[in-house]
Amino acid sequence: MSASRIVFAGTPAFAVPSLRALLEAPGLDVVGVVSQPDRPAGRGMRLAPSPVKQLALEAGLEVLTPERLRGNDQALDWLHGLKPDLLVVVAFGMLLPRAWLDAPRVAPVNAHASLLPRWRGAAPIERALLAGDAETGVSIMRMEEGLDTGGVYAMRRMPLDARITGAMLREALAEMSAGLLVETLPGIVDGSLVPQPQDETRATYAAKLTAADRVPDWTQSARAVDRVVRCFAPRPGARARLDGRWLKLLAGRVLDDVPKDAPGSVHGGDGRLIVDCGEGRYELTEVQPEGRKPMAAADFLRGHDLPAGARFS
């Protein structure tokens, strides 16, 4: 039996383990890769290929980097010319038009980093963390024109403990996506796996992140603040204004102490940086002032005199 021909569509580092796993798996043949165009990166803002494109070129694969897919006949002709059995999509970053979804002989397949139908959309990893979900995971679904609405072939779960950061969770789910794809694609090809419809009544939307999502709401509980800090650690980092300047909040811990002052009030003593919240208090253990490197909160306090009544805004 010949290997299944796969066109892979993906862009960021999250998709790299999946592409690598497909390249190494027996019975699967990646014949082409689609990724977003090179973007400016680094201090010099020079054009740089996406992580997926880098791996694809290293593997000697043909790579397409279109600015758009809808109405792009040249890109569609390229796809048809590869005669794919499967179109496998992992964090590609563009909506696929109907013509692309209809192109593979078997199915267009997507690995989505949530337990669908929860957290459809652009930021499922971060939204699960910010919401305080007890678990998350990966869903392998058949793609359709709706936003993450297709039937689910397989799902794998993982618990979310109170220590995991956004970076740790992305890495874990990237590896989970890769493993589950390799396990499920043969069953999709031979028809032994049938996609199960999603329960629309349970659907939630993972809205794209904004700068405001990185700023904790100190009127909420210390645990809610901690979720914001962990979600964006270590990059781009949660942040808040102190004395009119932004301070990145890179790590901390929840204190069950009763707040002393209004939410956002900052207390520094004995090398500890503690913030009053709507419920409980939050101790920052690592921060990064504007134009400086990350540092322990104790080092920040040694070089920063907190005025009386200091508050985060």
C-alpha atoms as a PDB file:
ATOM      1  CA  MET A   1       0.000   0.000   0.000  1.00  0.00           C
ATOM      2  CA  SER A   2       1.429   3.394  -0.989  1.00  0.00           C
ATOM      3  CA  ALA A   3       2.088   6.091   1.591  1.00  0.00           C
ATOM      4  CA  SER A   4      -0.569   8.741   2.121  1.00  0.00           C
ATOM      5  CA  ARG A   5       0.386  11.990   0.417  1.00  0.00           C
ATOM      6  CA  ILE A   6       0.190  14.976   2.774  1.00  0.00           C
ATOM      7  CA  VAL A   7       0.312  18.713   2.219  1.00  0.00           C
ATOM      8  CA  PHE A   8       1.074  20.379   5.552  1.00  0.00           C
ATOM      9  CA  ALA A   9      -0.025  23.936   6.422  1.00  0.00           C
ATOM     10  CA  GLY A  10       1.499  25.598   9.492  1.00  0.00           C
ATOM     11  CA  THR A  11       3.508  28.610  10.557  1.00  0.00           C
ATOM     12  CA  PRO A  12       4.764  29.069  14.176  1.00  0.00           C
ATOM     13  CA  ALA A  13       6.986  26.960  16.397  1.00  0.00           C
ATOM     14  CA  PHE A  14       3.885  25.255  17.791  1.00  0.00           C
ATOM     15  CA  ALA A  15       3.427  23.452  14.455  1.00  0.00           C
ATOM     16  CA  VAL A  16       7.034  22.264  14.123  1.00  0.00           C
ATOM     17  CA  PRO A  17       6.710  19.062  16.222  1.00  0.00           C
ATOM     18  CA  SER A  18       3.722  18.014  14.108  1.00  0.00           C
ATOM     19  CA  LEU A  19       5.571  18.494  10.826  1.00  0.00           C
ATOM     20  CA  ARG A  20       8.616  16.683  12.191  1.00  0.00           C
ATOM     21  CA  ALA A  21       6.475  13.769  13.404  1.00  0.00           C
ATOM     22  CA  LEU A  22       4.778  13.440  10.007  1.00  0.00           C
ATOM     23  CA  LEU A  23       8.143  13.471   8.246  1.00  0.00           C
ATOM     24  CA  GLU A  24       9.370  10.621  10.452  1.00  0.00           C
ATOM     25  CA  ALA A  25       6.188   8.494  10.502  1.00  0.00           C
ATOM     26  CA  PRO A  26       5.972   5.384   8.285  1.00  0.00           C
ATOM     27  CA  GLY A  27       3.141   5.322   5.791  1.00  0.00           C
ATOM     28  CA  LEU A  28       2.947   9.124   5.575  1.00  0.00           C
ATOM     29  CA  ASP A  29       4.595  11.185   2.840  1.00  0.00           C
ATOM     30  CA  VAL A  30       4.738  14.970   3.198  1.00  0.00           C
ATOM     31  CA  VAL A  31       4.882  16.224  -0.394  1.00  0.00           C
ATOM     32  CA  GLY A  32       4.567  19.966   0.188  1.00  0.00           C
ATOM     33  CA  VAL A  33       4.269  22.661   2.851  1.00  0.00           C
ATOM     34  CA  VAL A  34       2.284  25.902   3.017  1.00  0.00           C
ATOM     35  CA  SER A  35       3.320  28.604   5.481  1.00  0.00           C
ATOM     36  CA  GLN A  36       2.802  32.295   5.931  1.00  0.00           C
ATOM     37  CA  PRO A  37       5.216  34.672   4.150  1.00  0.00           C
ATOM     38  CA  ASP A  38       8.535  35.685   5.688  1.00  0.00           C
ATOM     39  CA  ARG A  39       8.091  38.418   8.305  1.00  0.00           C
ATOM     40  CA  PRO A  40      10.456  41.020   9.810  1.00  0.00           C
ATOM     41  CA  ALA A  41      12.122  39.687  12.968  1.00  0.00           C
ATOM     42  CA  GLY A  42      14.956  40.447  15.368  1.00  0.00           C
ATOM     43  CA  ARG A  43      16.637  43.732  16.171  1.00  0.00           C
ATOM     44  CA  GLY A  44      17.415  44.402  12.521  1.00  0.00           C
ATOM     45  CA  MET A  45      13.828  43.557  11.509  1.00  0.00           C
ATOM     46  CA  ARG A  46      15.103  41.534   8.578  1.00  0.00           C
ATOM     47  CA  LEU A  47      12.751  39.187   6.786  1.00  0.00           C
ATOM     48  CA  ALA A  48      12.873  35.741   8.365  1.00  0.00           C
ATOM     49  CA  PRO A  49      11.129  32.485   7.400  1.00  0.00           C
ATOM     50  CA  SER A  50       8.593  30.964   9.742  1.00  0.00           C
ATOM     51  CA  PRO A  51       9.736  28.055  11.947  1.00  0.00           C
ATOM     52  CA  VAL A  52       7.698  25.655   9.806  1.00  0.00           C
ATOM     53  CA  LYS A  53       9.247  26.945   6.591  1.00  0.00           C
ATOM     54  CA  GLN A  54      12.729  26.561   8.093  1.00  0.00           C
ATOM     55  CA  LEU A  55      12.129  22.901   8.925  1.00  0.00           C
ATOM     56  CA  ALA A  56      10.503  22.236   5.549  1.00  0.00           C
ATOM     57  CA  LEU A  57      13.471  23.679   3.648  1.00  0.00           C
ATOM     58  CA  GLU A  58      15.890  21.656   5.771  1.00  0.00           C
ATOM     59  CA  ALA A  59      13.896  18.548   4.807  1.00  0.00           C
ATOM     60  CA  GLY A  60      14.114  19.457   1.120  1.00  0.00           C
ATOM     61  CA  LEU A  61      10.389  20.083   0.756  1.00  0.00           C
ATOM     62  CA  GLU A  62       8.698  22.463  -1.634  1.00  0.00           C
ATOM     63  CA  VAL A  63       7.269  25.417   0.328  1.00  0.00           C
ATOM     64  CA  LEU A  64       4.518  27.802  -0.723  1.00  0.00           C
ATOM     65  CA  THR A  65       4.203  31.131   1.149  1.00  0.00           C
ATOM     66  CA  PRO A  66       1.189  32.981  -0.292  1.00  0.00           C
ATOM     67  CA  GLU A  67      -0.042  36.312   1.017  1.00  0.00           C
ATOM     68  CA  ARG A  68      -3.582  35.029   0.559  1.00  0.00           C
ATOM     69  CA  LEU A  69      -5.355  31.856  -0.518  1.00  0.00           C
ATOM     70  CA  ARG A  70      -8.826  33.055  -1.474  1.00  0.00           C
ATOM     71  CA  GLY A  71      -8.893  33.884  -5.177  1.00  0.00           C
ATOM     72  CA  ASN A  72      -5.275  32.722  -5.589  1.00  0.00           C
ATOM     73  CA  ASP A  73      -5.543  30.379  -8.603  1.00  0.00           C
ATOM     74  CA  GLN A  74      -1.778  29.836  -8.780  1.00  0.00           C
ATOM     75  CA  ALA A  75      -1.666  28.560  -5.185  1.00  0.00           C
ATOM     76  CA  LEU A  76      -4.678  26.309  -5.786  1.00  0.00           C
ATOM     77  CA  ASP A  77      -3.078  24.874  -8.936  1.00  0.00           C
ATOM     78  CA  TRP A  78       0.042  24.126  -6.870  1.00  0.00           C
ATOM     79  CA  LEU A  79      -2.060  22.228  -4.333  1.00  0.00           C
ATOM     80  CA  HIS A  80      -3.929  20.219  -6.973  1.00  0.00           C
ATOM     81  CA  GLY A  81      -0.651  19.385  -8.695  1.00  0.00           C
ATOM     82  CA  LEU A  82       0.600  17.620  -5.551  1.00  0.00           C
ATOM     83  CA  LYS A  83      -2.469  15.324  -5.517  1.00  0.00           C
ATOM     84  CA  PRO A  84      -2.743  15.192  -1.708  1.00  0.00           C
ATOM     85  CA  ASP A  85      -4.665  12.537   0.153  1.00  0.00           C
ATOM     86  CA  LEU A  86      -4.681  14.732   3.256  1.00  0.00           C
ATOM     87  CA  LEU A  87      -4.330  18.421   3.958  1.00  0.00           C
ATOM     88  CA  VAL A  88      -3.026  18.660   7.535  1.00  0.00           C
ATOM     89  CA  VAL A  89      -3.297  22.082   9.205  1.00  0.00           C
ATOM     90  CA  VAL A  90      -1.636  23.077  12.498  1.00  0.00           C
ATOM     91  CA  ALA A  91      -1.637  26.758  13.536  1.00  0.00           C
ATOM     92  CA  PHE A  92      -1.450  27.998   9.946  1.00  0.00           C
ATOM     93  CA  GLY A  93      -2.954  31.406  10.701  1.00  0.00           C
ATOM     94  CA  MET A  94      -5.137  31.816   7.597  1.00  0.00           C
ATOM     95  CA  LEU A  95      -8.700  30.687   6.927  1.00  0.00           C
ATOM     96  CA  LEU A  96      -8.823  28.099   4.157  1.00  0.00           C
ATOM     97  CA  PRO A  97     -11.335  28.698   1.341  1.00  0.00           C
ATOM     98  CA  ARG A  98     -13.724  25.960   0.238  1.00  0.00           C
ATOM     99  CA  ALA A  99     -11.583  25.125  -2.807  1.00  0.00           C
ATOM    100  CA  TRP A 100      -8.670  24.210  -0.530  1.00  0.00           C
ATOM    101  CA  LEU A 101     -10.843  22.157   1.811  1.00  0.00           C
ATOM    102  CA  ASP A 102     -12.188  20.177  -1.153  1.00  0.00           C
ATOM    103  CA  ALA A 103      -8.754  19.515  -2.686  1.00  0.00           C
ATOM    104  CA  PRO A 104      -7.465  16.500  -0.677  1.00  0.00           C
ATOM    105  CA  ARG A 105      -8.730  13.055  -1.731  1.00  0.00           C
ATOM    106  CA  VAL A 106      -9.544  11.958   1.843  1.00  0.00           C
ATOM    107  CA  ALA A 107      -9.963  14.976   4.123  1.00  0.00           C
ATOM    108  CA  PRO A 108      -8.663  18.325   5.347  1.00  0.00           C
ATOM    109  CA  VAL A 109      -7.547  17.701   8.956  1.00  0.00           C
ATOM    110  CA  ASN A 110      -6.735  20.175  11.715  1.00  0.00           C
ATOM    111  CA  ALA A 111      -5.017  19.734  15.077  1.00  0.00           C
ATOM    112  CA  HIS A 112      -6.564  22.316  17.419  1.00  0.00           C
ATOM    113  CA  ALA A 113      -5.175  23.035  20.900  1.00  0.00           C
ATOM    114  CA  SER A 114      -8.371  22.727  22.927  1.00  0.00           C
ATOM    115  CA  LEU A 115     -11.085  20.274  23.887  1.00  0.00           C
ATOM    116  CA  LEU A 116     -13.580  21.234  21.223  1.00  0.00           C
ATOM    117  CA  PRO A 117     -16.143  22.715  21.177  1.00  0.00           C
ATOM    118  CA  ARG A 118     -14.559  24.674  24.037  1.00  0.00           C
ATOM    119  CA  TRP A 119     -12.261  27.464  22.878  1.00  0.00           C
ATOM    120  CA  ARG A 120     -12.767  27.627  19.156  1.00  0.00           C
ATOM    121  CA  GLY A 121     -10.701  30.371  17.577  1.00  0.00           C
ATOM    122  CA  ALA A 122      -7.344  32.078  17.668  1.00  0.00           C
ATOM    123  CA  ALA A 123      -6.094  31.775  21.260  1.00  0.00           C
ATOM    124  CA  PRO A 124      -7.318  28.506  22.811  1.00  0.00           C
ATOM    125  CA  ILE A 125      -4.217  27.875  24.925  1.00  0.00           C
ATOM    126  CA  GLU A 126      -4.221  31.272  26.583  1.00  0.00           C
ATOM    127  CA  ARG A 127      -8.001  31.398  27.060  1.00  0.00           C
ATOM    128  CA  ALA A 128      -7.993  28.043  28.857  1.00  0.00           C
ATOM    129  CA  LEU A 129      -5.321  29.341  31.242  1.00  0.00           C
ATOM    130  CA  LEU A 130      -6.956  32.714  31.829  1.00  0.00           C
ATOM    131  CA  ALA A 131     -10.328  31.110  32.512  1.00  0.00           C
ATOM    132  CA  GLY A 132      -8.863  28.784  35.121  1.00  0.00           C
ATOM    133  CA  ASP A 133      -9.941  25.620  33.283  1.00  0.00           C
ATOM    134  CA  ALA A 134      -9.165  22.398  35.141  1.00  0.00           C
ATOM    135  CA  GLU A 135      -8.043  20.686  31.940  1.00  0.00           C
ATOM    136  CA  THR A 136      -7.309  21.275  28.276  1.00  0.00           C
ATOM    137  CA  GLY A 137      -5.953  19.198  25.436  1.00  0.00           C
ATOM    138  CA  VAL A 138      -5.886  18.628  21.692  1.00  0.00           C
ATOM    139  CA  SER A 139      -8.630  17.838  19.172  1.00  0.00           C
ATOM    140  CA  ILE A 140      -8.096  16.347  15.715  1.00  0.00           C
ATOM    141  CA  MET A 141     -11.002  17.466  13.554  1.00  0.00           C
ATOM    142  CA  ARG A 142     -12.190  17.421   9.973  1.00  0.00           C
ATOM    143  CA  MET A 143     -12.046  20.987   8.715  1.00  0.00           C
ATOM    144  CA  GLU A 144     -15.011  22.846   7.284  1.00  0.00           C
ATOM    145  CA  GLU A 145     -15.631  26.485   6.448  1.00  0.00           C
ATOM    146  CA  GLY A 146     -16.910  27.358   9.938  1.00  0.00           C
ATOM    147  CA  LEU A 147     -14.393  28.412  12.590  1.00  0.00           C
ATOM    148  CA  ASP A 148     -13.264  25.142  14.249  1.00  0.00           C
ATOM    149  CA  THR A 149     -16.758  23.694  13.859  1.00  0.00           C
ATOM    150  CA  GLY A 150     -15.909  20.415  12.101  1.00  0.00           C
ATOM    151  CA  GLY A 151     -16.457  16.933  13.457  1.00  0.00           C
ATOM    152  CA  VAL A 152     -13.833  15.578  15.864  1.00  0.00           C
ATOM    153  CA  TYR A 153     -11.903  12.393  15.032  1.00  0.00           C
ATOM    154  CA  ALA A 154      -9.946  12.123  18.283  1.00  0.00           C
ATOM    155  CA  MET A 155      -9.184  14.039  21.454  1.00  0.00           C
ATOM    156  CA  ARG A 156      -6.517  13.872  24.146  1.00  0.00           C
ATOM    157  CA  ARG A 157      -6.766  15.577  27.550  1.00  0.00           C
ATOM    158  CA  MET A 158      -4.286  16.961  30.057  1.00  0.00           C
ATOM    159  CA  PRO A 159      -4.853  18.525  33.501  1.00  0.00           C
ATOM    160  CA  LEU A 160      -3.919  22.143  34.163  1.00  0.00           C
ATOM    161  CA  ASP A 161      -2.156  22.550  37.481  1.00  0.00           C
ATOM    162  CA  ALA A 162      -1.565  25.829  39.303  1.00  0.00           C
ATOM    163  CA  ARG A 163       2.081  26.087  38.253  1.00  0.00           C
ATOM    164  CA  ILE A 164       2.002  25.700  34.484  1.00  0.00           C
ATOM    165  CA  THR A 165       2.906  28.738  32.363  1.00  0.00           C
ATOM    166  CA  GLY A 166       1.776  29.641  28.888  1.00  0.00           C
ATOM    167  CA  ALA A 167       5.150  28.637  27.449  1.00  0.00           C
ATOM    168  CA  MET A 168       5.085  25.271  29.215  1.00  0.00           C
ATOM    169  CA  LEU A 169       1.540  24.584  28.047  1.00  0.00           C
ATOM    170  CA  ARG A 170       2.272  25.495  24.411  1.00  0.00           C
ATOM    171  CA  GLU A 171       5.238  23.122  24.387  1.00  0.00           C
ATOM    172  CA  ALA A 172       3.221  20.277  25.939  1.00  0.00           C
ATOM    173  CA  LEU A 173       0.276  20.713  23.565  1.00  0.00           C
ATOM    174  CA  ALA A 174       2.556  21.002  20.534  1.00  0.00           C
ATOM    175  CA  GLU A 175       4.043  17.589  21.329  1.00  0.00           C
ATOM    176  CA  MET A 176       0.600  16.178  22.108  1.00  0.00           C
ATOM    177  CA  SER A 177      -0.712  17.407  18.745  1.00  0.00           C
ATOM    178  CA  ALA A 178       2.170  15.728  16.931  1.00  0.00           C
ATOM    179  CA  GLY A 179       1.626  12.392  18.642  1.00  0.00           C
ATOM    180  CA  LEU A 180      -2.132  12.375  18.187  1.00  0.00           C
ATOM    181  CA  LEU A 181      -1.869  13.279  14.495  1.00  0.00           C
ATOM    182  CA  VAL A 182       0.444  10.357  13.770  1.00  0.00           C
ATOM    183  CA  GLU A 183      -1.887   8.018  15.668  1.00  0.00           C
ATOM    184  CA  THR A 184      -5.110   9.150  13.999  1.00  0.00           C
ATOM    185  CA  LEU A 185      -4.215   9.842  10.355  1.00  0.00           C
ATOM    186  CA  PRO A 186      -4.070   6.151   9.302  1.00  0.00           C
ATOM    187  CA  GLY A 187      -7.582   5.621  10.701  1.00  0.00           C
ATOM    188  CA  ILE A 188      -8.827   8.709   8.874  1.00  0.00           C
ATOM    189  CA  VAL A 189      -7.380   7.405   5.611  1.00  0.00           C
ATOM    190  CA  ASP A 190      -8.824   3.886   5.916  1.00  0.00           C
ATOM    191  CA  GLY A 191     -12.188   5.162   7.186  1.00  0.00           C
ATOM    192  CA  SER A 192     -12.082   3.434  10.571  1.00  0.00           C
ATOM    193  CA  LEU A 193     -12.229   6.832  12.297  1.00  0.00           C
ATOM    194  CA  VAL A 194     -15.403   8.815  11.712  1.00  0.00           C
ATOM    195  CA  PRO A 195     -15.652  12.477  12.838  1.00  0.00           C
ATOM    196  CA  GLN A 196     -18.183  13.051  15.608  1.00  0.00           C
ATOM    197  CA  PRO A 197     -20.277  16.271  15.467  1.00  0.00           C
ATOM    198  CA  GLN A 198     -19.524  18.922  18.072  1.00  0.00           C
ATOM    199  CA  ASP A 199     -22.137  19.931  20.644  1.00  0.00           C
ATOM    200  CA  GLU A 200     -22.940  23.495  19.599  1.00  0.00           C
ATOM    201  CA  THR A 201     -24.559  24.254  22.958  1.00  0.00           C
ATOM    202  CA  ARG A 202     -21.149  23.899  24.664  1.00  0.00           C
ATOM    203  CA  ALA A 203     -19.166  26.031  22.239  1.00  0.00           C
ATOM    204  CA  THR A 204     -17.027  28.911  23.500  1.00  0.00           C
ATOM    205  CA  TYR A 205     -14.887  31.358  21.525  1.00  0.00           C
ATOM    206  CA  ALA A 206     -11.169  31.962  22.130  1.00  0.00           C
ATOM    207  CA  ALA A 207     -10.896  35.603  21.070  1.00  0.00           C
ATOM    208  CA  LYS A 208      -7.599  36.895  19.744  1.00  0.00           C
ATOM    209  CA  LEU A 209      -5.400  38.293  22.508  1.00  0.00           C
ATOM    210  CA  THR A 210      -4.979  42.036  22.968  1.00  0.00           C
ATOM    211  CA  ALA A 211      -2.563  44.159  24.981  1.00  0.00           C
ATOM    212  CA  ALA A 212      -5.285  44.609  27.606  1.00  0.00           C
ATOM    213  CA  ASP A 213      -5.285  40.863  28.314  1.00  0.00           C
ATOM    214  CA  ARG A 214      -1.727  41.187  29.648  1.00  0.00           C
ATOM    215  CA  VAL A 215      -2.723  43.673  32.376  1.00  0.00           C
ATOM    216  CA  PRO A 216      -4.065  42.044  35.569  1.00  0.00           C
ATOM    217  CA  ASP A 217      -7.285  43.302  37.105  1.00  0.00           C
ATOM    218  CA  TRP A 218      -6.291  43.753  40.736  1.00  0.00           C
ATOM    219  CA  THR A 219      -9.935  43.904  41.839  1.00  0.00           C
ATOM    220  CA  GLN A 220     -10.135  40.202  41.018  1.00  0.00           C
ATOM    221  CA  SER A 221      -8.727  37.426  43.186  1.00  0.00           C
ATOM    222  CA  ALA A 222      -5.025  36.764  43.598  1.00  0.00           C
ATOM    223  CA  ARG A 223      -5.573  33.480  41.787  1.00  0.00           C
ATOM    224  CA  ALA A 224      -7.002  35.307  38.771  1.00  0.00           C
ATOM    225  CA  VAL A 225      -3.977  37.633  38.790  1.00  0.00           C
ATOM    226  CA  ASP A 226      -1.683  34.616  38.965  1.00  0.00           C
ATOM    227  CA  ARG A 227      -3.340  33.130  35.877  1.00  0.00           C
ATOM    228  CA  VAL A 228      -2.567  36.297  33.909  1.00  0.00           C
ATOM    229  CA  VAL A 229       1.081  36.268  35.037  1.00  0.00           C
ATOM    230  CA  ARG A 230       1.528  32.586  34.210  1.00  0.00           C
ATOM    231  CA  CYS A 231      -0.318  32.847  30.901  1.00  0.00           C
ATOM    232  CA  PHE A 232       2.123  35.366  29.441  1.00  0.00           C
ATOM    233  CA  ALA A 233       5.320  34.119  31.089  1.00  0.00           C
ATOM    234  CA  PRO A 234       8.050  34.503  30.090  1.00  0.00           C
ATOM    235  CA  ARG A 235       7.159  36.351  26.870  1.00  0.00           C
ATOM    236  CA  PRO A 236       5.603  38.750  26.199  1.00  0.00           C
ATOM    237  CA  GLY A 237       4.998  39.021  29.962  1.00  0.00           C
ATOM    238  CA  ALA A 238       2.077  40.359  31.945  1.00  0.00           C
ATOM    239  CA  ARG A 239       2.514  44.021  32.831  1.00  0.00           C
ATOM    240  CA  ALA A 240       1.189  46.875  34.955  1.00  0.00           C
ATOM    241  CA  ARG A 241       2.000  50.550  35.466  1.00  0.00           C
ATOM    242  CA  LEU A 242       3.864  51.583  38.600  1.00  0.00           C
ATOM    243  CA  ASP A 243       4.837  55.239  39.047  1.00  0.00           C
ATOM    244  CA  GLY A 244       3.792  55.895  35.467  1.00  0.00           C
ATOM    245  CA  ARG A 245       6.096  53.265  33.945  1.00  0.00           C
ATOM    246  CA  TRP A 246       5.369  49.773  32.720  1.00  0.00           C
ATOM    247  CA  LEU A 247       6.693  46.899  34.783  1.00  0.00           C
ATOM    248  CA  LYS A 248       6.630  43.357  33.426  1.00  0.00           C
ATOM    249  CA  LEU A 249       5.352  40.785  35.899  1.00  0.00           C
ATOM    250  CA  LEU A 250       7.176  37.543  35.146  1.00  0.00           C
ATOM    251  CA  ALA A 251       6.531  35.292  38.158  1.00  0.00           C
ATOM    252  CA  GLY A 252       4.795  35.302  41.510  1.00  0.00           C
ATOM    253  CA  ARG A 253       2.711  33.347  43.960  1.00  0.00           C
ATOM    254  CA  VAL A 254      -0.715  33.536  45.549  1.00  0.00           C
ATOM    255  CA  LEU A 255      -1.002  34.569  49.190  1.00  0.00           C
ATOM    256  CA  ASP A 256      -4.225  33.877  51.038  1.00  0.00           C
ATOM    257  CA  ASP A 257      -3.599  36.850  53.355  1.00  0.00           C
ATOM    258  CA  VAL A 258      -6.345  39.421  53.870  1.00  0.00           C
ATOM    259  CA  PRO A 259      -5.657  42.553  51.749  1.00  0.00           C
ATOM    260  CA  LYS A 260      -4.493  45.595  53.742  1.00  0.00           C
ATOM    261  CA  ASP A 261      -5.429  48.322  51.284  1.00  0.00           C
ATOM    262  CA  ALA A 262      -7.302  48.943  48.042  1.00  0.00           C
ATOM    263  CA  PRO A 263      -6.741  46.501  45.137  1.00  0.00           C
ATOM    264  CA  GLY A 264      -3.480  47.233  43.336  1.00  0.00           C
ATOM    265  CA  SER A 265      -1.770  48.700  46.424  1.00  0.00           C
ATOM    266  CA  VAL A 266       1.903  47.745  46.436  1.00  0.00           C
ATOM    267  CA  HIS A 267       3.887  46.901  49.578  1.00  0.00           C
ATOM    268  CA  GLY A 268       7.629  46.385  49.667  1.00  0.00           C
ATOM    269  CA  GLY A 269       9.410  45.190  52.779  1.00  0.00           C
ATOM    270  CA  ASP A 270      12.024  42.587  53.699  1.00  0.00           C
ATOM    271  CA  GLY A 271      12.782  42.177  50.005  1.00  0.00           C
ATOM    272  CA  ARG A 272       9.206  41.134  49.174  1.00  0.00           C
ATOM    273  CA  LEU A 273       6.930  42.832  46.653  1.00  0.00           C
ATOM    274  CA  ILE A 274       3.301  42.196  47.620  1.00  0.00           C
ATOM    275  CA  VAL A 275       0.145  43.493  45.930  1.00  0.00           C
ATOM    276  CA  ASP A 276      -3.341  43.654  47.421  1.00  0.00           C
ATOM    277  CA  CYS A 277      -6.069  42.073  45.310  1.00  0.00           C
ATOM    278  CA  GLY A 278      -9.845  41.951  45.508  1.00  0.00           C
ATOM    279  CA  GLU A 279      -9.425  38.629  47.269  1.00  0.00           C
ATOM    280  CA  GLY A 280      -6.095  37.596  48.768  1.00  0.00           C
ATOM    281  CA  ARG A 281      -2.699  39.115  48.022  1.00  0.00           C
ATOM    282  CA  TYR A 282      -0.131  38.413  45.306  1.00  0.00           C
ATOM    283  CA  GLU A 283       3.632  38.301  45.808  1.00  0.00           C
ATOM    284  CA  LEU A 284       5.690  39.137  42.748  1.00  0.00           C
ATOM    285  CA  THR A 285       8.970  37.219  42.696  1.00  0.00           C
ATOM    286  CA  GLU A 286      10.375  38.244  39.306  1.00  0.00           C
ATOM    287  CA  VAL A 287       9.835  41.466  37.362  1.00  0.00           C
ATOM    288  CA  GLN A 288      11.375  43.436  34.508  1.00  0.00           C
ATOM    289  CA  PRO A 289      11.462  47.255  34.489  1.00  0.00           C
ATOM    290  CA  GLU A 290      11.400  49.120  31.184  1.00  0.00           C
ATOM    291  CA  GLY A 291      14.769  48.920  29.425  1.00  0.00           C
ATOM    292  CA  ARG A 292      16.189  46.463  31.972  1.00  0.00           C
ATOM    293  CA  LYS A 293      16.750  42.736  32.207  1.00  0.00           C
ATOM    294  CA  PRO A 294      14.496  40.420  34.240  1.00  0.00           C
ATOM    295  CA  MET A 295      15.345  40.507  37.946  1.00  0.00           C
ATOM    296  CA  ALA A 296      14.244  39.157  41.281  1.00  0.00           C
ATOM    297  CA  ALA A 297      11.702  41.332  43.073  1.00  0.00           C
ATOM    298  CA  ALA A 298      14.194  41.850  45.913  1.00  0.00           C
ATOM    299  CA  ASP A 299      16.731  43.335  43.457  1.00  0.00           C
ATOM    300  CA  PHE A 300      14.055  45.584  41.994  1.00  0.00           C
ATOM    301  CA  LEU A 301      13.192  46.912  45.464  1.00  0.00           C
ATOM    302  CA  ARG A 302      16.843  47.644  46.233  1.00  0.00           C
ATOM    303  CA  GLY A 303      16.959  50.030  43.285  1.00  0.00           C
ATOM    304  CA  HIS A 304      13.421  51.407  43.497  1.00  0.00           C
ATOM    305  CA  ASP A 305      12.008  53.320  46.427  1.00  0.00           C
ATOM    306  CA  LEU A 306       8.299  52.692  46.643  1.00  0.00           C
ATOM    307  CA  PRO A 307       6.470  55.900  47.537  1.00  0.00           C
ATOM    308  CA  ALA A 308       3.779  55.810  50.211  1.00  0.00           C
ATOM    309  CA  GLY A 309       0.495  54.697  48.738  1.00  0.00           C
ATOM    310  CA  ALA A 310       2.105  53.146  45.651  1.00  0.00           C
ATOM    311  CA  ARG A 311      -0.423  51.345  43.455  1.00  0.00           C
ATOM    312  CA  PHE A 312      -0.444  49.464  40.199  1.00  0.00           C
ATOM    313  CA  SER A 313      -2.653  50.967  37.524  1.00  0.00           C
END
